[in-house]
Amino acid sequence: MKIAIHNCPGSFSDRWIAYCQENNISFKTVDCYSSDIIGQIKDCDGLMWHWSHDDYRDQNFARQLIFSIEKMGISVFPSFSSCWHFDDKVGQKYLLEAINAPLVHSYTFYNKDAAFQWIDCTQFPKVFKLRTGAGSRNVRLIKNKNSGKRIVRKAFGKGYPVIDNVSGFKQRLWVLRRDKNIKAIIHIIKGLIRFAYPPEGINLLPRQKGYVYFQDFIPNNDFDDRVVIVGSKAITIRRYNREGDFRASGSGLIKHNSDLFDSKIIKIAFNVADQIGTESLAFDFIYDDIGNPLIVEISYAYSMGAVYDNCPGYWDKDLKWHVDNINLQYYIIEDFINSLI
C-alpha cells in the first residue's frame, strides 16, 4: 500500500506526513497542480489533498480532479461525495433539502425581478451570504426591504469580491481586542500589508454575481455548536458570538465541555454524514425558539490546532463518550488507510 499526499505546509498534510513517518506507512508527496498528476499517482492506492476554498487553482479544478481519480479506482480524501459542496452554500442548500436534513430555511434567486418579488413579500431580518467564504466572511444581517434590494442590485450588477479586505481587517481588529497580545498585533500588521500587497492570485478568484442567497435569521442564538464527524467519531465545540454580533464562526470564543451538547445534534450529524456518504464533515448548528437544532452549513475541512486538539474526547455512533487526545488529521488518515486495506 502506498499513499500519495499533496504536500502544502500549514495544511492537513503536515500531520498526515508526520503520521506516515511515525507509523512506517509508505507514502510519497505529489503536486496536484502539475499537469502530470494522473501519472504521478498511478502507482498509489490513494491520494490525500487538503484543498482550499481560498485558492483560485483549487476552485478551478479540485472537484474535477477528484472525480476523475476516483474513476481510476484510486481512493481520494476528500472523496467527491465529501467535497463537491465544499464552500458552496447554494449547493449545500439543495443537498440538505434533498435528504430532508434540518436546514435553516434558505432561499436562492437567479433573477433580479424574482428576488425583488420575494423581498416584497418576506419578513425581515434575513441573513445574506455569498455561496463562498469561511469564518463568518461574506455574511451580513439584512434588516429591511430597502437593504435587501440594495444587496440584490449589487448581486446582479458588479457583484461581490470573494475576499473583502475591509471585513478581513475588521476581523483582525476583533482578534486584537479579544486577545490583546503580541501575536494579535503581528496579525494586524500582516493585515495592513495585505492591503498594500494583496496575496498572489486573489484577483483570480471569481467575482460573485448573478445570484443571491438568503437564510432565515433565527434569533436568540448566542452561540453555535459545531459537530465534526470523522468516520465513526464525533467531536464537538461550542463557539460563542462576538460582542454585539449575531455570528459565532471565527470568533475564537470556544468551549469544549462535553456536557454542553445535546445528543440530538450528534445523532443528526452522524445520520446526515451517512446519507451523504462522507468520511469527514463539520456541521454548524443553531436552535429555533423551541430548541430544535438546525444546520447552518457544512464543510469537509476545518481549522487545525488547539480549536479541536483541546477537545477532551469524542462520541461514537452509539453516543458513548470516549476520553482521547484529539487529533482530527490522524483520525482522517487512520480511517483512510483502513479503507484501503
C-alpha atoms as a PDB file:
ATOM      1  CA  MET A   1       0.000   0.000   0.000  1.00  0.00           C
ATOM      2  CA  LYS A   2       1.249   3.466  -0.898  1.00  0.00           C
ATOM      3  CA  ILE A   3      -0.424   6.828  -0.281  1.00  0.00           C
ATOM      4  CA  ALA A   4       0.115   9.978  -2.340  1.00  0.00           C
ATOM      5  CA  ILE A   5      -0.051  13.209  -0.304  1.00  0.00           C
ATOM      6  CA  HIS A   6      -0.165  16.673  -1.790  1.00  0.00           C
ATOM      7  CA  ASN A   7       2.274  18.494   0.468  1.00  0.00           C
ATOM      8  CA  CYS A   8       1.145  22.022   1.364  1.00  0.00           C
ATOM      9  CA  PRO A   9       2.825  23.355   4.534  1.00  0.00           C
ATOM     10  CA  GLY A  10       0.288  24.648   7.049  1.00  0.00           C
ATOM     11  CA  SER A  11      -2.438  22.306   5.826  1.00  0.00           C
ATOM     12  CA  PHE A  12      -3.648  18.869   6.953  1.00  0.00           C
ATOM     13  CA  SER A  13      -0.726  17.395   5.016  1.00  0.00           C
ATOM     14  CA  ASP A  14       1.686  18.369   7.826  1.00  0.00           C
ATOM     15  CA  ARG A  15       0.054  15.885  10.180  1.00  0.00           C
ATOM     16  CA  TRP A  16      -0.620  13.282   7.502  1.00  0.00           C
ATOM     17  CA  ILE A  17       3.055  13.145   6.616  1.00  0.00           C
ATOM     18  CA  ALA A  18       4.025  13.034  10.302  1.00  0.00           C
ATOM     19  CA  TYR A  19       1.624  10.131  10.832  1.00  0.00           C
ATOM     20  CA  CYS A  20       3.103   8.172   7.941  1.00  0.00           C
ATOM     21  CA  GLN A  21       6.628   8.779   9.216  1.00  0.00           C
ATOM     22  CA  GLU A  22       5.722   7.746  12.769  1.00  0.00           C
ATOM     23  CA  ASN A  23       3.931   4.584  11.658  1.00  0.00           C
ATOM     24  CA  ASN A  24       6.156   3.491   8.741  1.00  0.00           C
ATOM     25  CA  ILE A  25       3.384   3.995   6.179  1.00  0.00           C
ATOM     26  CA  SER A  26       4.610   4.038   2.581  1.00  0.00           C
ATOM     27  CA  PHE A  27       3.847   7.407   1.010  1.00  0.00           C
ATOM     28  CA  LYS A  28       5.116   9.906  -1.486  1.00  0.00           C
ATOM     29  CA  THR A  29       4.468  13.612  -1.921  1.00  0.00           C
ATOM     30  CA  VAL A  30       2.884  14.734  -5.177  1.00  0.00           C
ATOM     31  CA  ASP A  31       1.890  18.013  -6.816  1.00  0.00           C
ATOM     32  CA  CYS A  32      -1.814  18.176  -7.633  1.00  0.00           C
ATOM     33  CA  TYR A  33      -1.175  21.362  -9.633  1.00  0.00           C
ATOM     34  CA  SER A  34       1.135  19.531 -12.027  1.00  0.00           C
ATOM     35  CA  SER A  35      -0.179  18.654 -15.477  1.00  0.00           C
ATOM     36  CA  ASP A  36       1.001  15.064 -14.994  1.00  0.00           C
ATOM     37  CA  ILE A  37      -0.693  14.463 -11.623  1.00  0.00           C
ATOM     38  CA  ILE A  38      -2.573  11.455 -13.036  1.00  0.00           C
ATOM     39  CA  GLY A  39       0.738   9.843 -13.919  1.00  0.00           C
ATOM     40  CA  GLN A  40       2.245  10.728 -10.528  1.00  0.00           C
ATOM     41  CA  ILE A  41      -0.363   8.709  -8.624  1.00  0.00           C
ATOM     42  CA  LYS A  42      -0.698   5.640 -10.847  1.00  0.00           C
ATOM     43  CA  ASP A  43       1.469   3.558  -8.504  1.00  0.00           C
ATOM     44  CA  CYS A  44      -0.540   4.649  -5.432  1.00  0.00           C
ATOM     45  CA  ASP A  45      -3.636   3.253  -3.752  1.00  0.00           C
ATOM     46  CA  GLY A  46      -4.929   6.605  -2.548  1.00  0.00           C
ATOM     47  CA  LEU A  47      -4.472  10.372  -2.758  1.00  0.00           C
ATOM     48  CA  MET A  48      -4.868  12.812   0.151  1.00  0.00           C
ATOM     49  CA  TRP A  49      -5.214  16.506  -0.680  1.00  0.00           C
ATOM     50  CA  HIS A  50      -6.410  19.208   1.706  1.00  0.00           C
ATOM     51  CA  TRP A  51      -7.576  21.632  -0.937  1.00  0.00           C
ATOM     52  CA  SER A  52      -8.607  25.158  -0.047  1.00  0.00           C
ATOM     53  CA  HIS A  53     -11.592  27.396  -0.655  1.00  0.00           C
ATOM     54  CA  ASP A  54      -9.248  30.406  -0.857  1.00  0.00           C
ATOM     55  CA  ASP A  55      -7.014  29.179  -3.693  1.00  0.00           C
ATOM     56  CA  TYR A  56      -8.254  30.046  -7.178  1.00  0.00           C
ATOM     57  CA  ARG A  57      -6.481  26.981  -8.584  1.00  0.00           C
ATOM     58  CA  ASP A  58      -8.329  24.638  -6.230  1.00  0.00           C
ATOM     59  CA  GLN A  59     -11.646  26.241  -7.081  1.00  0.00           C
ATOM     60  CA  ASN A  60     -10.888  25.780 -10.773  1.00  0.00           C
ATOM     61  CA  PHE A  61     -10.221  22.049 -10.801  1.00  0.00           C
ATOM     62  CA  ALA A  62     -10.189  20.245  -7.427  1.00  0.00           C
ATOM     63  CA  ARG A  63     -13.643  18.710  -7.778  1.00  0.00           C
ATOM     64  CA  GLN A  64     -12.998  17.604 -11.369  1.00  0.00           C
ATOM     65  CA  LEU A  65      -9.636  16.057 -10.499  1.00  0.00           C
ATOM     66  CA  ILE A  66     -11.029  14.155  -7.516  1.00  0.00           C
ATOM     67  CA  PHE A  67     -13.951  12.787  -9.533  1.00  0.00           C
ATOM     68  CA  SER A  68     -11.564  11.692 -12.314  1.00  0.00           C
ATOM     69  CA  ILE A  69      -9.139   9.955  -9.948  1.00  0.00           C
ATOM     70  CA  GLU A  70     -11.972   8.041  -8.308  1.00  0.00           C
ATOM     71  CA  LYS A  71     -12.900   6.777 -11.789  1.00  0.00           C
ATOM     72  CA  MET A  72      -9.376   5.286 -11.975  1.00  0.00           C
ATOM     73  CA  GLY A  73     -10.255   3.127  -8.963  1.00  0.00           C
ATOM     74  CA  ILE A  74      -7.975   5.167  -6.690  1.00  0.00           C
ATOM     75  CA  SER A  75      -9.408   6.402  -3.388  1.00  0.00           C
ATOM     76  CA  VAL A  76      -9.201  10.096  -2.569  1.00  0.00           C
ATOM     77  CA  PHE A  77      -9.511  12.129   0.587  1.00  0.00           C
ATOM     78  CA  PRO A  78     -11.678  14.085   0.450  1.00  0.00           C
ATOM     79  CA  SER A  79     -13.919  11.946  -1.695  1.00  0.00           C
ATOM     80  CA  PHE A  80     -16.121  13.641  -4.271  1.00  0.00           C
ATOM     81  CA  SER A  81     -19.158  12.979  -2.042  1.00  0.00           C
ATOM     82  CA  SER A  82     -17.393  14.775   0.815  1.00  0.00           C
ATOM     83  CA  CYS A  83     -16.286  17.870  -1.030  1.00  0.00           C
ATOM     84  CA  TRP A  84     -18.293  18.747  -4.139  1.00  0.00           C
ATOM     85  CA  HIS A  85     -20.389  21.028  -1.900  1.00  0.00           C
ATOM     86  CA  PHE A  86     -17.368  22.443  -0.007  1.00  0.00           C
ATOM     87  CA  ASP A  87     -17.535  26.237   0.352  1.00  0.00           C
ATOM     88  CA  ASP A  88     -20.708  26.256  -1.732  1.00  0.00           C
ATOM     89  CA  LYS A  89     -23.666  27.229   0.436  1.00  0.00           C
ATOM     90  CA  VAL A  90     -26.026  27.108  -2.534  1.00  0.00           C
ATOM     91  CA  GLY A  91     -25.003  23.528  -3.320  1.00  0.00           C
ATOM     92  CA  GLN A  92     -25.417  22.644   0.357  1.00  0.00           C
ATOM     93  CA  LYS A  93     -28.960  24.051   0.351  1.00  0.00           C
ATOM     94  CA  TYR A  94     -30.036  21.723  -2.449  1.00  0.00           C
ATOM     95  CA  LEU A  95     -28.239  18.715  -0.975  1.00  0.00           C
ATOM     96  CA  LEU A  96     -29.595  19.116   2.554  1.00  0.00           C
ATOM     97  CA  GLU A  97     -33.108  19.811   1.309  1.00  0.00           C
ATOM     98  CA  ALA A  98     -32.958  16.708  -0.913  1.00  0.00           C
ATOM     99  CA  ILE A  99     -32.227  14.418   2.048  1.00  0.00           C
ATOM    100  CA  ASN A 100     -34.669  16.245   4.382  1.00  0.00           C
ATOM    101  CA  ALA A 101     -31.956  17.385   6.761  1.00  0.00           C
ATOM    102  CA  PRO A 102     -32.991  20.084   9.273  1.00  0.00           C
ATOM    103  CA  LEU A 103     -31.504  23.074   7.420  1.00  0.00           C
ATOM    104  CA  VAL A 104     -32.160  26.712   8.317  1.00  0.00           C
ATOM    105  CA  HIS A 105     -34.719  27.779   5.703  1.00  0.00           C
ATOM    106  CA  SER A 106     -32.735  29.091   2.739  1.00  0.00           C
ATOM    107  CA  TYR A 107     -33.617  30.951  -0.480  1.00  0.00           C
ATOM    108  CA  THR A 108     -31.783  31.338  -3.789  1.00  0.00           C
ATOM    109  CA  PHE A 109     -32.619  33.519  -6.777  1.00  0.00           C
ATOM    110  CA  TYR A 110     -31.010  33.746 -10.204  1.00  0.00           C
ATOM    111  CA  ASN A 111     -33.221  36.542 -11.479  1.00  0.00           C
ATOM    112  CA  LYS A 112     -33.319  40.065 -10.085  1.00  0.00           C
ATOM    113  CA  ASP A 113     -37.075  40.542 -10.545  1.00  0.00           C
ATOM    114  CA  ALA A 114     -37.859  37.253  -8.800  1.00  0.00           C
ATOM    115  CA  ALA A 115     -35.628  38.311  -5.893  1.00  0.00           C
ATOM    116  CA  PHE A 116     -37.399  41.683  -5.651  1.00  0.00           C
ATOM    117  CA  GLN A 117     -40.818  39.996  -5.619  1.00  0.00           C
ATOM    118  CA  TRP A 118     -39.711  37.724  -2.774  1.00  0.00           C
ATOM    119  CA  ILE A 119     -38.291  40.656  -0.816  1.00  0.00           C
ATOM    120  CA  ASP A 120     -41.614  42.492  -1.089  1.00  0.00           C
ATOM    121  CA  CYS A 121     -43.428  39.518   0.455  1.00  0.00           C
ATOM    122  CA  THR A 122     -40.983  38.150   3.042  1.00  0.00           C
ATOM    123  CA  GLN A 123     -40.312  39.118   6.637  1.00  0.00           C
ATOM    124  CA  PHE A 124     -37.075  40.659   7.834  1.00  0.00           C
ATOM    125  CA  PRO A 125     -34.411  40.386   9.143  1.00  0.00           C
ATOM    126  CA  LYS A 126     -32.761  37.863   6.851  1.00  0.00           C
ATOM    127  CA  VAL A 127     -29.147  36.714   6.611  1.00  0.00           C
ATOM    128  CA  PHE A 128     -27.404  37.364   3.292  1.00  0.00           C
ATOM    129  CA  LYS A 129     -24.476  35.148   2.330  1.00  0.00           C
ATOM    130  CA  LEU A 130     -22.249  34.612  -0.632  1.00  0.00           C
ATOM    131  CA  ARG A 131     -22.009  30.975  -1.592  1.00  0.00           C
ATOM    132  CA  THR A 132     -18.315  31.059  -0.644  1.00  0.00           C
ATOM    133  CA  GLY A 133     -16.477  32.208   2.487  1.00  0.00           C
ATOM    134  CA  ALA A 134     -15.468  30.907   5.923  1.00  0.00           C
ATOM    135  CA  GLY A 135     -15.173  32.362   9.417  1.00  0.00           C
ATOM    136  CA  SER A 136     -18.339  34.497   9.010  1.00  0.00           C
ATOM    137  CA  ARG A 137     -16.808  36.163   5.971  1.00  0.00           C
ATOM    138  CA  ASN A 138     -19.375  37.339   3.415  1.00  0.00           C
ATOM    139  CA  VAL A 139     -22.242  37.040   5.924  1.00  0.00           C
ATOM    140  CA  ARG A 140     -24.499  40.037   6.704  1.00  0.00           C
ATOM    141  CA  LEU A 141     -27.710  40.663   8.619  1.00  0.00           C
ATOM    142  CA  ILE A 142     -30.251  42.401   6.351  1.00  0.00           C
ATOM    143  CA  LYS A 143     -32.766  44.278   8.474  1.00  0.00           C
ATOM    144  CA  ASN A 144     -35.286  45.632   5.966  1.00  0.00           C
ATOM    145  CA  LYS A 145     -36.544  45.548   2.382  1.00  0.00           C
ATOM    146  CA  ASN A 146     -34.505  48.518   1.197  1.00  0.00           C
ATOM    147  CA  SER A 147     -31.272  46.917   2.367  1.00  0.00           C
ATOM    148  CA  GLY A 148     -32.312  43.645   0.755  1.00  0.00           C
ATOM    149  CA  LYS A 149     -32.947  45.338  -2.581  1.00  0.00           C
ATOM    150  CA  ARG A 150     -29.546  47.067  -2.457  1.00  0.00           C
ATOM    151  CA  ILE A 151     -27.970  43.657  -1.965  1.00  0.00           C
ATOM    152  CA  VAL A 152     -29.875  42.284  -4.971  1.00  0.00           C
ATOM    153  CA  ARG A 153     -28.945  45.189  -7.241  1.00  0.00           C
ATOM    154  CA  LYS A 154     -25.275  44.713  -6.484  1.00  0.00           C
ATOM    155  CA  ALA A 155     -25.525  40.936  -6.866  1.00  0.00           C
ATOM    156  CA  PHE A 156     -26.957  41.366 -10.365  1.00  0.00           C
ATOM    157  CA  GLY A 157     -24.650  44.274 -11.125  1.00  0.00           C
ATOM    158  CA  LYS A 158     -20.957  44.468 -10.365  1.00  0.00           C
ATOM    159  CA  GLY A 159     -21.213  41.665  -7.796  1.00  0.00           C
ATOM    160  CA  TYR A 160     -19.101  40.945  -4.730  1.00  0.00           C
ATOM    161  CA  PRO A 161     -15.447  40.019  -4.307  1.00  0.00           C
ATOM    162  CA  VAL A 162     -14.805  36.683  -2.604  1.00  0.00           C
ATOM    163  CA  ILE A 163     -12.142  38.281  -0.398  1.00  0.00           C
ATOM    164  CA  ASP A 164     -13.250  41.515   1.275  1.00  0.00           C
ATOM    165  CA  ASN A 165     -10.109  43.124   2.704  1.00  0.00           C
ATOM    166  CA  VAL A 166     -12.117  45.570   4.825  1.00  0.00           C
ATOM    167  CA  SER A 167     -14.048  42.778   6.547  1.00  0.00           C
ATOM    168  CA  GLY A 168     -10.839  40.817   6.895  1.00  0.00           C
ATOM    169  CA  PHE A 169      -9.143  43.714   8.636  1.00  0.00           C
ATOM    170  CA  LYS A 170     -12.133  44.162  10.977  1.00  0.00           C
ATOM    171  CA  GLN A 171     -11.754  40.503  11.917  1.00  0.00           C
ATOM    172  CA  ARG A 172      -8.087  41.150  12.768  1.00  0.00           C
ATOM    173  CA  LEU A 173      -9.120  44.119  14.932  1.00  0.00           C
ATOM    174  CA  TRP A 174     -11.599  41.854  16.731  1.00  0.00           C
ATOM    175  CA  VAL A 175      -8.829  39.342  17.439  1.00  0.00           C
ATOM    176  CA  LEU A 176      -6.667  42.162  18.844  1.00  0.00           C
ATOM    177  CA  ARG A 177      -9.472  43.326  21.180  1.00  0.00           C
ATOM    178  CA  ARG A 178     -10.085  39.738  22.244  1.00  0.00           C
ATOM    179  CA  ASP A 179      -6.519  38.583  22.817  1.00  0.00           C
ATOM    180  CA  LYS A 180      -4.544  41.794  23.490  1.00  0.00           C
ATOM    181  CA  ASN A 181      -1.198  40.118  22.835  1.00  0.00           C
ATOM    182  CA  ILE A 182       1.846  40.366  20.576  1.00  0.00           C
ATOM    183  CA  LYS A 183       0.537  37.695  18.235  1.00  0.00           C
ATOM    184  CA  ALA A 184      -2.617  39.728  17.599  1.00  0.00           C
ATOM    185  CA  ILE A 185      -0.558  42.868  16.952  1.00  0.00           C
ATOM    186  CA  ILE A 186       1.522  40.991  14.381  1.00  0.00           C
ATOM    187  CA  HIS A 187      -1.768  39.778  12.880  1.00  0.00           C
ATOM    188  CA  ILE A 188      -2.836  43.438  12.465  1.00  0.00           C
ATOM    189  CA  ILE A 189       0.458  44.362  10.808  1.00  0.00           C
ATOM    190  CA  LYS A 190       0.073  41.487   8.365  1.00  0.00           C
ATOM    191  CA  GLY A 191      -3.434  42.753   7.585  1.00  0.00           C
ATOM    192  CA  LEU A 192      -2.085  46.196   6.724  1.00  0.00           C
ATOM    193  CA  ILE A 193       0.491  44.590   4.453  1.00  0.00           C
ATOM    194  CA  ARG A 194      -2.308  42.670   2.712  1.00  0.00           C
ATOM    195  CA  PHE A 195      -3.975  45.989   1.886  1.00  0.00           C
ATOM    196  CA  ALA A 196      -0.805  47.256   0.222  1.00  0.00           C
ATOM    197  CA  TYR A 197       0.248  43.947  -1.318  1.00  0.00           C
ATOM    198  CA  PRO A 198      -2.716  41.600  -1.890  1.00  0.00           C
ATOM    199  CA  PRO A 199      -1.835  37.888  -1.933  1.00  0.00           C
ATOM    200  CA  GLU A 200      -0.873  36.469  -5.310  1.00  0.00           C
ATOM    201  CA  GLY A 201      -3.886  35.122  -7.161  1.00  0.00           C
ATOM    202  CA  ILE A 202      -6.517  36.871  -5.040  1.00  0.00           C
ATOM    203  CA  ASN A 203      -7.729  38.798  -8.084  1.00  0.00           C
ATOM    204  CA  LEU A 204      -8.235  35.496  -9.925  1.00  0.00           C
ATOM    205  CA  LEU A 205     -10.963  34.298  -7.588  1.00  0.00           C
ATOM    206  CA  PRO A 206     -14.246  34.759  -9.466  1.00  0.00           C
ATOM    207  CA  ARG A 207     -16.403  37.726  -8.516  1.00  0.00           C
ATOM    208  CA  GLN A 208     -19.727  36.556  -7.053  1.00  0.00           C
ATOM    209  CA  LYS A 209     -22.705  37.739  -9.080  1.00  0.00           C
ATOM    210  CA  GLY A 210     -25.751  36.511 -10.943  1.00  0.00           C
ATOM    211  CA  TYR A 211     -27.403  35.031  -7.848  1.00  0.00           C
ATOM    212  CA  VAL A 212     -28.476  35.895  -4.297  1.00  0.00           C
ATOM    213  CA  TYR A 213     -28.654  33.597  -1.300  1.00  0.00           C
ATOM    214  CA  PHE A 214     -30.523  34.317   1.940  1.00  0.00           C
ATOM    215  CA  GLN A 215     -31.280  32.349   5.092  1.00  0.00           C
ATOM    216  CA  ASP A 216     -33.885  32.974   7.757  1.00  0.00           C
ATOM    217  CA  PHE A 217     -32.491  34.806  10.768  1.00  0.00           C
ATOM    218  CA  ILE A 218     -33.017  32.663  13.862  1.00  0.00           C
ATOM    219  CA  PRO A 219     -32.930  34.976  16.910  1.00  0.00           C
ATOM    220  CA  ASN A 220     -31.740  34.289  20.452  1.00  0.00           C
ATOM    221  CA  ASN A 221     -28.702  32.236  19.469  1.00  0.00           C
ATOM    222  CA  ASP A 222     -25.677  33.431  21.410  1.00  0.00           C
ATOM    223  CA  PHE A 223     -23.527  30.606  20.065  1.00  0.00           C
ATOM    224  CA  ASP A 224     -23.445  27.832  17.536  1.00  0.00           C
ATOM    225  CA  ASP A 225     -22.497  24.206  18.113  1.00  0.00           C
ATOM    226  CA  ARG A 226     -20.081  22.534  15.736  1.00  0.00           C
ATOM    227  CA  VAL A 227     -20.032  18.783  15.321  1.00  0.00           C
ATOM    228  CA  VAL A 228     -17.186  17.273  13.308  1.00  0.00           C
ATOM    229  CA  ILE A 229     -17.765  13.751  12.048  1.00  0.00           C
ATOM    230  CA  VAL A 230     -14.672  11.729  11.126  1.00  0.00           C
ATOM    231  CA  GLY A 231     -15.703   8.170  10.334  1.00  0.00           C
ATOM    232  CA  SER A 232     -17.332   6.772  13.481  1.00  0.00           C
ATOM    233  CA  LYS A 233     -16.214   9.629  15.747  1.00  0.00           C
ATOM    234  CA  ALA A 234     -17.999  12.886  16.598  1.00  0.00           C
ATOM    235  CA  ILE A 235     -16.049  15.827  18.065  1.00  0.00           C
ATOM    236  CA  THR A 236     -17.862  18.909  19.385  1.00  0.00           C
ATOM    237  CA  ILE A 237     -17.074  22.539  20.153  1.00  0.00           C
ATOM    238  CA  ARG A 238     -19.292  25.473  21.135  1.00  0.00           C
ATOM    239  CA  ARG A 239     -18.489  28.825  19.517  1.00  0.00           C
ATOM    240  CA  TYR A 240     -19.851  31.989  21.133  1.00  0.00           C
ATOM    241  CA  ASN A 241     -20.832  35.128  19.241  1.00  0.00           C
ATOM    242  CA  ARG A 242     -18.687  38.210  19.129  1.00  0.00           C
ATOM    243  CA  GLU A 243     -19.984  41.010  21.358  1.00  0.00           C
ATOM    244  CA  GLY A 244     -22.823  42.827  19.620  1.00  0.00           C
ATOM    245  CA  ASP A 245     -22.794  40.388  16.707  1.00  0.00           C
ATOM    246  CA  PHE A 246     -25.050  37.524  15.629  1.00  0.00           C
ATOM    247  CA  ARG A 247     -22.151  35.498  14.160  1.00  0.00           C
ATOM    248  CA  ALA A 248     -20.167  32.858  16.024  1.00  0.00           C
ATOM    249  CA  SER A 249     -17.934  31.433  13.291  1.00  0.00           C
ATOM    250  CA  GLY A 250     -14.471  32.952  13.505  1.00  0.00           C
ATOM    251  CA  SER A 251     -14.998  34.478  16.951  1.00  0.00           C
ATOM    252  CA  GLY A 252     -12.434  32.235  18.648  1.00  0.00           C
ATOM    253  CA  LEU A 253     -14.630  32.181  21.777  1.00  0.00           C
ATOM    254  CA  ILE A 254     -14.807  28.441  22.295  1.00  0.00           C
ATOM    255  CA  LYS A 255     -15.772  25.904  24.960  1.00  0.00           C
ATOM    256  CA  HIS A 256     -15.174  22.163  24.756  1.00  0.00           C
ATOM    257  CA  ASN A 257     -17.069  20.778  27.776  1.00  0.00           C
ATOM    258  CA  SER A 258     -18.820  17.580  26.729  1.00  0.00           C
ATOM    259  CA  ASP A 259     -21.856  18.274  28.942  1.00  0.00           C
ATOM    260  CA  LEU A 260     -22.787  21.317  26.818  1.00  0.00           C
ATOM    261  CA  PHE A 261     -24.035  19.265  23.899  1.00  0.00           C
ATOM    262  CA  ASP A 262     -27.425  17.690  23.271  1.00  0.00           C
ATOM    263  CA  SER A 263     -27.247  14.198  21.821  1.00  0.00           C
ATOM    264  CA  LYS A 264     -29.757  15.296  19.135  1.00  0.00           C
ATOM    265  CA  ILE A 265     -27.129  17.204  17.183  1.00  0.00           C
ATOM    266  CA  ILE A 266     -24.716  14.279  17.287  1.00  0.00           C
ATOM    267  CA  LYS A 267     -27.408  11.897  16.010  1.00  0.00           C
ATOM    268  CA  ILE A 268     -28.316  14.305  13.201  1.00  0.00           C
ATOM    269  CA  ALA A 269     -24.684  14.775  12.207  1.00  0.00           C
ATOM    270  CA  PHE A 270     -23.983  11.030  12.015  1.00  0.00           C
ATOM    271  CA  ASN A 271     -27.208  10.453  10.083  1.00  0.00           C
ATOM    272  CA  VAL A 272     -26.566  13.199   7.514  1.00  0.00           C
ATOM    273  CA  ALA A 273     -22.920  12.174   7.084  1.00  0.00           C
ATOM    274  CA  ASP A 274     -24.066   8.602   6.363  1.00  0.00           C
ATOM    275  CA  GLN A 275     -26.671   9.774   3.840  1.00  0.00           C
ATOM    276  CA  ILE A 276     -24.146  11.949   2.013  1.00  0.00           C
ATOM    277  CA  GLY A 277     -21.506   9.238   2.110  1.00  0.00           C
ATOM    278  CA  THR A 278     -18.768  11.379   3.560  1.00  0.00           C
ATOM    279  CA  GLU A 279     -15.772  10.418   5.661  1.00  0.00           C
ATOM    280  CA  SER A 280     -15.277  13.922   7.135  1.00  0.00           C
ATOM    281  CA  LEU A 281     -17.844  16.641   7.655  1.00  0.00           C
ATOM    282  CA  ALA A 282     -18.229  19.592  10.032  1.00  0.00           C
ATOM    283  CA  PHE A 283     -21.759  20.759  10.892  1.00  0.00           C
ATOM    284  CA  ASP A 284     -22.708  24.156  12.325  1.00  0.00           C
ATOM    285  CA  PHE A 285     -25.930  24.058  14.361  1.00  0.00           C
ATOM    286  CA  ILE A 286     -28.136  26.765  15.822  1.00  0.00           C
ATOM    287  CA  TYR A 287     -31.519  26.328  17.542  1.00  0.00           C
ATOM    288  CA  ASP A 288     -35.059  27.509  16.878  1.00  0.00           C
ATOM    289  CA  ASP A 289     -37.317  29.001  19.553  1.00  0.00           C
ATOM    290  CA  ILE A 290     -38.309  25.575  20.910  1.00  0.00           C
ATOM    291  CA  GLY A 291     -34.792  24.155  20.901  1.00  0.00           C
ATOM    292  CA  ASN A 292     -34.820  22.170  17.655  1.00  0.00           C
ATOM    293  CA  PRO A 293     -31.339  22.052  16.079  1.00  0.00           C
ATOM    294  CA  LEU A 294     -30.952  23.484  12.581  1.00  0.00           C
ATOM    295  CA  ILE A 295     -27.962  23.108  10.274  1.00  0.00           C
ATOM    296  CA  VAL A 296     -26.485  26.404   9.086  1.00  0.00           C
ATOM    297  CA  GLU A 297     -23.812  24.955   6.787  1.00  0.00           C
ATOM    298  CA  ILE A 298     -21.360  22.068   6.361  1.00  0.00           C
ATOM    299  CA  SER A 299     -17.690  21.679   5.420  1.00  0.00           C
ATOM    300  CA  TYR A 300     -15.314  18.771   4.807  1.00  0.00           C
ATOM    301  CA  ALA A 301     -12.368  20.855   6.141  1.00  0.00           C
ATOM    302  CA  TYR A 302     -11.809  22.917   9.277  1.00  0.00           C
ATOM    303  CA  SER A 303      -9.052  24.695  11.167  1.00  0.00           C
ATOM    304  CA  MET A 304      -6.122  22.890  12.740  1.00  0.00           C
ATOM    305  CA  GLY A 305      -4.579  23.174  16.171  1.00  0.00           C
ATOM    306  CA  ALA A 306      -5.926  23.956  19.615  1.00  0.00           C
ATOM    307  CA  VAL A 307      -9.518  24.574  18.474  1.00  0.00           C
ATOM    308  CA  TYR A 308     -10.007  20.807  18.229  1.00  0.00           C
ATOM    309  CA  ASP A 309      -6.881  19.440  19.932  1.00  0.00           C
ATOM    310  CA  ASN A 310      -8.253  20.766  23.243  1.00  0.00           C
ATOM    311  CA  CYS A 311     -11.408  18.647  22.993  1.00  0.00           C
ATOM    312  CA  PRO A 312     -11.418  16.099  25.844  1.00  0.00           C
ATOM    313  CA  GLY A 313     -12.731  13.226  23.746  1.00  0.00           C
ATOM    314  CA  TYR A 314     -15.326  12.081  21.205  1.00  0.00           C
ATOM    315  CA  TRP A 315     -18.670  10.281  20.857  1.00  0.00           C
ATOM    316  CA  ASP A 316     -19.152   7.107  18.863  1.00  0.00           C
ATOM    317  CA  LYS A 317     -22.257   6.229  16.850  1.00  0.00           C
ATOM    318  CA  ASP A 318     -23.865   4.685  19.934  1.00  0.00           C
ATOM    319  CA  LEU A 319     -23.402   8.070  21.669  1.00  0.00           C
ATOM    320  CA  LYS A 320     -20.858   6.600  24.061  1.00  0.00           C
ATOM    321  CA  TRP A 321     -18.235   9.057  25.264  1.00  0.00           C
ATOM    322  CA  HIS A 322     -14.534   8.234  24.863  1.00  0.00           C
ATOM    323  CA  VAL A 323     -11.766  10.243  26.513  1.00  0.00           C
ATOM    324  CA  ASP A 324      -8.950  10.717  23.993  1.00  0.00           C
ATOM    325  CA  ASN A 325      -6.173  13.025  22.838  1.00  0.00           C
ATOM    326  CA  ILE A 326      -7.883  14.514  19.808  1.00  0.00           C
ATOM    327  CA  ASN A 327      -6.039  14.781  16.517  1.00  0.00           C
ATOM    328  CA  LEU A 328      -8.558  15.075  13.701  1.00  0.00           C
ATOM    329  CA  GLN A 329      -5.971  14.755  10.951  1.00  0.00           C
ATOM    330  CA  TYR A 330      -4.655  11.499  12.471  1.00  0.00           C
ATOM    331  CA  TYR A 331      -8.234  10.212  12.687  1.00  0.00           C
ATOM    332  CA  ILE A 332      -8.696  11.046   8.994  1.00  0.00           C
ATOM    333  CA  ILE A 333      -5.591   9.251   7.775  1.00  0.00           C
ATOM    334  CA  GLU A 334      -6.207   6.250  10.045  1.00  0.00           C
ATOM    335  CA  ASP A 335      -9.691   5.849   8.567  1.00  0.00           C
ATOM    336  CA  PHE A 336      -8.337   6.393   5.051  1.00  0.00           C
ATOM    337  CA  ILE A 337      -5.675   3.716   5.462  1.00  0.00           C
ATOM    338  CA  ASN A 338      -8.226   1.265   6.887  1.00  0.00           C
ATOM    339  CA  SER A 339     -10.431   1.867   3.847  1.00  0.00           C
ATOM    340  CA  LEU A 340      -7.557   0.816   1.570  1.00  0.00           C
ATOM    341  CA  ILE A 341      -6.759  -2.447   3.349  1.00  0.00           C
END
